[in-house]
Amino acid sequence: RAAPGRRAETLYVIGGLYGNRPALDALLALAAREAGPVVLCFNGDFHWFDVDDAGFAAINRAVLQHDALLGNVEAELLAPDDDAGCGCAYPAGVDDGTVARSNRIHARLKAAARRQPELLARLGRLPMLRRYRIGELAVGVVHGDAESLAGWRFDVAALDDPHNRPWIAQAFDAAGVDLFASSHTCLPALRSFDVDGGRRAVINNGAAGMPNFRGERTGLITRIGTAPGPQAARYGTVLKGIHVEALPLAYNPDRWLADFLANWPESTAAHTSYYRRIREGTDFAVQSASTPNRQ
């Protein structure tokens, strides 16, 4: 097991910013409202829709002032092969059209990254995981799951699958953490588990830079702190006296939609895959993200 990691009073885990600069502005404003210092950890896929040079540079420079991890999006930007794709490792149920569009989005992003080799080189130095300690709570931050950068075993469906429980218990034991914080799957989840007589949890923030819930146009981040956050959480739990919360990220949705359409007008790959979600929200209910019972 590794060293305990960086100590923090409050930690924000920001997965799936997806190039959304209004969401980045909202995040920094939220952190400024905290009573004490905040560590920001961008756990991958902070790039995606930002295929314009100015947008790519702005996101890169802002994110890399803080802790950051590689997501599959960033990792595949480093691949020399133009046919590498997005590295999303979608589950079998995802249709071929979605996969093909994601690969086309990534190809445009990769072209932008190659025009800025000094920024691309900085991405290449990012780790794939980070450890933190908030109070007595040991936290492991990953992008996908405990085993794979693009793993889906911290997806809401996988977390509820009884066949996945032995693997989850083994992952906690191997990592020596009380809490895993992830993203990657684009839908949020918080689940608690009894492992070796102790309570553990997995929290997945879904997306900081896109809507997560039905009828809503806000992002979502994970906040882990010794005290509750500066605004009401959508849901949360307490582990070892530490507050683990899903905080809404209320960026300017109209400004973000305009930014998105400037790069991805109608008939483009991202417009086909994401416009409805950005404009209207998802079909996912808040109640599905968090269940009260241990599993």
Protein backbone atom coordinates (compact mmCIF):
# COMPACT_ATOMS: atom_id res chain seq x y z
CA ARG A 1 0.00 0.00 0.00
CA ALA A 2 1.21 3.49 -0.84
CA ALA A 3 1.86 6.47 1.44
CA PRO A 4 -1.20 8.29 2.81
CA GLY A 5 -1.00 11.11 0.27
CA ARG A 6 -1.63 14.83 0.39
CA ARG A 7 -3.46 16.19 3.41
CA ALA A 8 -6.37 18.56 2.87
CA GLU A 9 -9.09 20.19 4.90
CA THR A 10 -11.38 20.34 1.89
CA LEU A 11 -10.99 18.53 -1.43
CA TYR A 12 -12.94 19.13 -4.62
CA VAL A 13 -12.87 16.31 -7.19
CA ILE A 14 -13.79 17.67 -10.60
CA GLY A 15 -14.23 14.98 -13.21
CA GLY A 16 -15.54 15.58 -16.71
CA LEU A 17 -15.12 19.33 -17.12
CA TYR A 18 -15.19 18.62 -20.88
CA GLY A 19 -13.77 21.99 -21.89
CA ASN A 20 -16.61 23.97 -20.28
CA ARG A 21 -15.12 27.35 -19.35
CA PRO A 22 -18.30 28.70 -17.70
CA ALA A 23 -18.21 25.64 -15.45
CA LEU A 24 -14.58 26.37 -14.61
CA ASP A 25 -15.53 29.94 -13.67
CA ALA A 26 -18.38 28.66 -11.48
CA LEU A 27 -16.05 26.17 -9.82
CA LEU A 28 -13.48 28.81 -8.86
CA ALA A 29 -16.25 31.06 -7.54
CA LEU A 30 -17.60 28.20 -5.43
CA ALA A 31 -14.17 27.41 -4.02
CA ALA A 32 -13.72 31.09 -3.10
CA ARG A 33 -16.80 30.83 -0.86
CA GLU A 34 -15.17 28.16 1.32
CA ALA A 35 -14.14 29.24 4.82
CA GLY A 36 -10.74 27.55 4.54
CA PRO A 37 -8.26 26.35 1.91
CA VAL A 38 -9.47 24.03 -0.84
CA VAL A 39 -7.48 21.53 -2.87
CA LEU A 40 -8.83 21.14 -6.41
CA CYS A 41 -8.24 17.83 -8.18
CA PHE A 42 -9.31 17.57 -11.82
CA ASN A 43 -9.52 13.81 -12.25
CA GLY A 44 -9.46 13.64 -16.02
CA ASP A 45 -11.52 14.47 -19.12
CA PHE A 46 -11.16 18.19 -18.50
CA HIS A 47 -10.75 18.43 -22.27
CA TRP A 48 -13.37 17.29 -24.83
CA PHE A 49 -15.44 19.95 -26.58
CA ASP A 50 -12.64 22.59 -26.50
CA VAL A 51 -11.29 21.97 -30.00
CA ASP A 52 -10.51 25.65 -30.67
CA ASP A 53 -6.95 26.68 -29.87
CA ALA A 54 -7.90 29.41 -27.39
CA GLY A 55 -10.31 27.17 -25.52
CA PHE A 56 -7.86 24.27 -25.32
CA ALA A 57 -5.11 26.53 -24.01
CA ALA A 58 -7.36 28.23 -21.46
CA ILE A 59 -8.58 24.95 -20.00
CA ASN A 60 -5.11 23.43 -19.93
CA ARG A 61 -3.47 26.37 -18.19
CA ALA A 62 -6.22 26.78 -15.60
CA VAL A 63 -6.46 23.09 -14.73
CA LEU A 64 -2.71 22.55 -14.48
CA GLN A 65 -2.42 25.19 -11.77
CA HIS A 66 -4.03 22.55 -9.54
CA ASP A 67 -3.81 18.80 -8.96
CA ALA A 68 -4.82 16.84 -12.03
CA LEU A 69 -5.00 13.30 -13.37
CA LEU A 70 -5.04 11.87 -16.84
CA GLY A 71 -8.43 10.84 -18.11
CA ASN A 72 -8.83 8.63 -21.14
CA VAL A 73 -9.36 11.77 -23.25
CA GLU A 74 -6.00 13.23 -22.24
CA ALA A 75 -4.19 9.88 -22.34
CA GLU A 76 -5.23 9.27 -25.94
CA LEU A 77 -4.08 12.76 -26.95
CA LEU A 78 -0.59 11.46 -26.20
CA ALA A 79 -0.92 8.40 -28.45
CA PRO A 80 1.08 8.75 -31.69
CA ASP A 81 -1.49 6.75 -33.68
CA ASP A 82 -4.19 8.94 -35.26
CA ASP A 83 -6.58 5.97 -35.17
CA ALA A 84 -6.33 5.50 -31.40
CA GLY A 85 -9.78 7.00 -30.76
CA CYS A 86 -11.07 8.40 -27.50
CA GLY A 87 -10.11 5.43 -25.33
CA CYS A 88 -13.57 5.52 -23.76
CA ALA A 89 -13.82 1.70 -23.53
CA TYR A 90 -17.60 1.91 -23.75
CA PRO A 91 -19.62 -1.04 -22.41
CA ALA A 92 -21.13 -3.47 -24.90
CA GLY A 93 -24.55 -1.81 -24.77
CA VAL A 94 -23.32 1.45 -26.30
CA ASP A 95 -24.20 1.69 -29.99
CA ASP A 96 -21.61 1.89 -32.75
CA GLY A 97 -22.75 5.36 -33.79
CA THR A 98 -21.96 6.80 -30.37
CA VAL A 99 -18.51 5.20 -30.43
CA ALA A 100 -17.76 6.50 -33.93
CA ARG A 101 -18.87 10.03 -33.05
CA SER A 102 -16.73 10.04 -29.91
CA ASN A 103 -13.73 9.04 -31.98
CA ARG A 104 -14.42 11.89 -34.42
CA ILE A 105 -14.67 14.37 -31.55
CA HIS A 106 -11.37 13.15 -30.19
CA ALA A 107 -9.69 13.43 -33.59
CA ARG A 108 -10.55 17.15 -33.72
CA LEU A 109 -9.33 17.63 -30.15
CA LYS A 110 -6.10 15.83 -30.96
CA ALA A 111 -5.48 18.18 -33.86
CA ALA A 112 -5.86 21.15 -31.50
CA ALA A 113 -3.50 19.55 -28.98
CA ARG A 114 -0.83 18.94 -31.61
CA ARG A 115 -0.89 22.62 -32.52
CA GLN A 116 0.20 23.35 -28.94
CA PRO A 117 2.99 20.84 -28.22
CA GLU A 118 4.18 22.55 -25.04
CA LEU A 119 0.73 22.11 -23.48
CA LEU A 120 0.53 18.53 -24.72
CA ALA A 121 3.88 17.80 -23.09
CA ARG A 122 2.54 19.00 -19.73
CA LEU A 123 -0.38 16.58 -20.02
CA GLY A 124 2.11 13.78 -20.56
CA ARG A 125 3.52 14.32 -17.07
CA LEU A 126 0.21 13.81 -15.25
CA PRO A 127 -0.35 10.76 -13.02
CA MET A 128 -3.27 8.33 -13.29
CA LEU A 129 -4.26 8.42 -9.62
CA ARG A 130 -3.84 10.53 -6.49
CA ARG A 131 -4.20 9.92 -2.79
CA TYR A 132 -5.47 12.32 -0.15
CA ARG A 133 -6.18 12.29 3.56
CA ILE A 134 -8.94 14.46 4.94
CA GLY A 135 -8.99 14.05 8.71
CA GLU A 136 -8.75 10.28 9.19
CA LEU A 137 -10.38 9.53 5.83
CA ALA A 138 -8.10 7.95 3.22
CA VAL A 139 -9.24 8.90 -0.29
CA GLY A 140 -8.18 7.42 -3.60
CA VAL A 141 -8.95 9.57 -6.64
CA VAL A 142 -9.07 7.81 -10.00
CA HIS A 143 -10.57 8.56 -13.38
CA GLY A 144 -12.27 5.28 -14.28
CA ASP A 145 -12.15 2.61 -11.61
CA ALA A 146 -9.57 1.12 -9.24
CA GLU A 147 -8.14 -1.11 -11.97
CA SER A 148 -8.34 0.80 -15.24
CA LEU A 149 -8.07 4.39 -16.43
CA ALA A 150 -11.13 3.82 -18.61
CA GLY A 151 -12.81 1.23 -16.38
CA TRP A 152 -16.57 1.18 -15.85
CA ARG A 153 -16.82 -0.70 -12.55
CA PHE A 154 -17.59 2.54 -10.69
CA ASP A 155 -20.54 3.19 -13.00
CA VAL A 156 -23.90 3.33 -11.22
CA ALA A 157 -25.07 0.07 -12.81
CA ALA A 158 -21.86 -1.76 -11.92
CA LEU A 159 -21.96 -0.49 -8.33
CA ASP A 160 -25.44 -2.00 -7.97
CA ASP A 161 -24.45 -5.34 -9.52
CA PRO A 162 -24.07 -8.01 -6.80
CA HIS A 163 -21.54 -9.85 -8.96
CA ASN A 164 -19.25 -6.80 -8.70
CA ARG A 165 -19.15 -6.79 -4.88
CA PRO A 166 -16.16 -9.13 -4.39
CA TRP A 167 -14.11 -7.03 -6.79
CA ILE A 168 -15.11 -3.82 -4.98
CA ALA A 169 -14.08 -5.29 -1.62
CA GLN A 170 -10.77 -6.41 -3.08
CA ALA A 171 -10.18 -2.95 -4.59
CA PHE A 172 -10.64 -1.24 -1.23
CA ASP A 173 -8.34 -3.73 0.46
CA ALA A 174 -5.62 -3.43 -2.17
CA ALA A 175 -5.70 0.38 -2.21
CA GLY A 176 -6.01 0.86 1.54
CA VAL A 177 -8.58 3.64 1.18
CA ASP A 178 -11.96 4.38 2.72
CA LEU A 179 -13.35 6.25 -0.28
CA PHE A 180 -12.85 6.09 -4.02
CA ALA A 181 -13.73 9.21 -6.01
CA SER A 182 -14.09 8.79 -9.77
CA SER A 183 -15.93 10.08 -12.85
CA HIS A 184 -15.51 8.78 -16.47
CA THR A 185 -18.94 7.17 -16.86
CA CYS A 186 -20.74 10.53 -17.22
CA LEU A 187 -23.50 9.62 -14.73
CA PRO A 188 -23.17 10.21 -10.98
CA ALA A 189 -23.40 7.72 -8.14
CA LEU A 190 -22.79 7.41 -4.42
CA ARG A 191 -22.82 3.96 -2.86
CA SER A 192 -21.71 2.68 0.56
CA PHE A 193 -20.40 -0.81 1.25
CA ASP A 194 -19.50 -2.91 4.27
CA VAL A 195 -15.97 -4.19 3.70
CA ASP A 196 -14.23 -6.26 6.38
CA GLY A 197 -16.54 -4.84 9.02
CA GLY A 198 -15.89 -1.23 8.06
CA ARG A 199 -17.87 1.24 6.01
CA ARG A 200 -16.46 2.28 2.63
CA ALA A 201 -17.91 4.29 -0.24
CA VAL A 202 -17.55 5.10 -3.91
CA ILE A 203 -18.60 8.49 -5.24
CA ASN A 204 -18.72 9.28 -8.95
CA ASN A 205 -19.44 12.92 -9.82
CA GLY A 206 -20.67 12.15 -13.32
CA ALA A 207 -19.79 15.37 -15.14
CA ALA A 208 -18.73 18.78 -13.87
CA GLY A 209 -19.18 20.31 -17.31
CA MET A 210 -22.51 18.81 -18.42
CA PRO A 211 -25.98 18.30 -16.91
CA ASN A 212 -26.39 15.15 -14.86
CA PHE A 213 -30.06 15.00 -13.88
CA ARG A 214 -33.49 15.14 -15.44
CA GLY A 215 -34.62 18.67 -16.23
CA GLU A 216 -31.44 20.31 -14.92
CA ARG A 217 -28.63 22.20 -16.62
CA THR A 218 -25.97 22.13 -13.90
CA GLY A 219 -22.77 20.21 -13.48
CA LEU A 220 -21.80 18.18 -10.43
CA ILE A 221 -18.60 17.89 -8.40
CA THR A 222 -17.51 15.85 -5.40
CA ARG A 223 -16.64 17.73 -2.22
CA ILE A 224 -14.89 15.99 0.67
CA GLY A 225 -14.36 18.09 3.78
CA THR A 226 -14.05 18.30 7.54
CA ALA A 227 -17.17 20.49 7.56
CA PRO A 228 -20.17 20.82 5.20
CA GLY A 229 -19.81 22.92 2.07
CA PRO A 230 -20.93 26.51 1.41
CA GLN A 231 -24.08 25.43 -0.42
CA ALA A 232 -26.61 22.63 -0.14
CA ALA A 233 -25.49 19.26 -1.48
CA ARG A 234 -27.69 17.19 -3.77
CA TYR A 235 -26.86 14.20 -1.59
CA GLY A 236 -23.99 12.95 0.54
CA THR A 237 -22.79 10.83 3.41
CA VAL A 238 -20.41 11.04 6.36
CA LEU A 239 -17.42 8.69 6.63
CA LYS A 240 -15.11 8.81 9.66
CA GLY A 241 -16.58 12.20 10.51
CA ILE A 242 -15.80 13.62 7.05
CA HIS A 243 -18.53 15.05 4.82
CA VAL A 244 -18.69 13.50 1.34
CA GLU A 245 -21.03 15.53 -0.85
CA ALA A 246 -22.22 15.92 -4.42
CA LEU A 247 -22.37 19.67 -5.03
CA PRO A 248 -24.23 21.21 -7.97
CA LEU A 249 -22.09 23.40 -10.21
CA ALA A 250 -24.38 26.16 -11.45
CA TYR A 251 -22.54 27.52 -14.47
CA ASN A 252 -24.16 29.86 -17.00
CA PRO A 253 -25.96 27.36 -19.26
CA ASP A 254 -26.69 29.81 -22.07
CA ARG A 255 -23.09 30.96 -22.29
CA TRP A 256 -21.96 27.33 -22.33
CA LEU A 257 -24.45 26.41 -25.05
CA ALA A 258 -23.17 29.29 -27.18
CA ASP A 259 -19.56 28.20 -26.66
CA PHE A 260 -20.48 24.62 -27.55
CA LEU A 261 -22.31 25.60 -30.74
CA ALA A 262 -19.39 27.77 -31.87
CA ASN A 263 -17.29 24.61 -32.15
CA TRP A 264 -20.01 22.03 -32.72
CA PRO A 265 -22.88 23.30 -34.90
CA GLU A 266 -25.72 21.14 -36.12
CA SER A 267 -24.75 17.91 -37.95
CA THR A 268 -21.36 17.65 -36.23
CA ALA A 269 -20.46 14.61 -34.13
CA ALA A 270 -20.66 16.34 -30.74
CA HIS A 271 -23.92 18.09 -31.62
CA THR A 272 -25.54 14.77 -32.48
CA SER A 273 -24.31 13.09 -29.30
CA TYR A 274 -24.54 15.88 -26.73
CA TYR A 275 -26.70 18.83 -27.76
CA ARG A 276 -29.89 17.51 -26.17
CA ARG A 277 -28.14 16.77 -22.89
CA ILE A 278 -26.52 20.20 -22.78
CA ARG A 279 -29.78 21.95 -23.69
CA GLU A 280 -32.28 19.91 -21.64
CA GLY A 281 -30.48 17.67 -19.12
CA THR A 282 -30.52 13.88 -18.91
CA ASP A 283 -33.20 11.29 -18.16
CA PHE A 284 -31.40 10.32 -14.94
CA ALA A 285 -33.11 10.95 -11.58
CA VAL A 286 -31.30 12.32 -8.54
CA GLN A 287 -32.76 9.46 -6.51
CA SER A 288 -30.95 6.96 -8.73
CA ALA A 289 -27.59 8.54 -7.96
CA SER A 290 -27.74 8.03 -4.21
CA THR A 291 -29.29 5.21 -2.20
CA PRO A 292 -29.37 5.33 1.60
CA ASN A 293 -28.62 1.70 2.38
CA ARG A 294 -25.28 0.01 2.74
CA GLN A 295 -24.71 -2.81 0.31
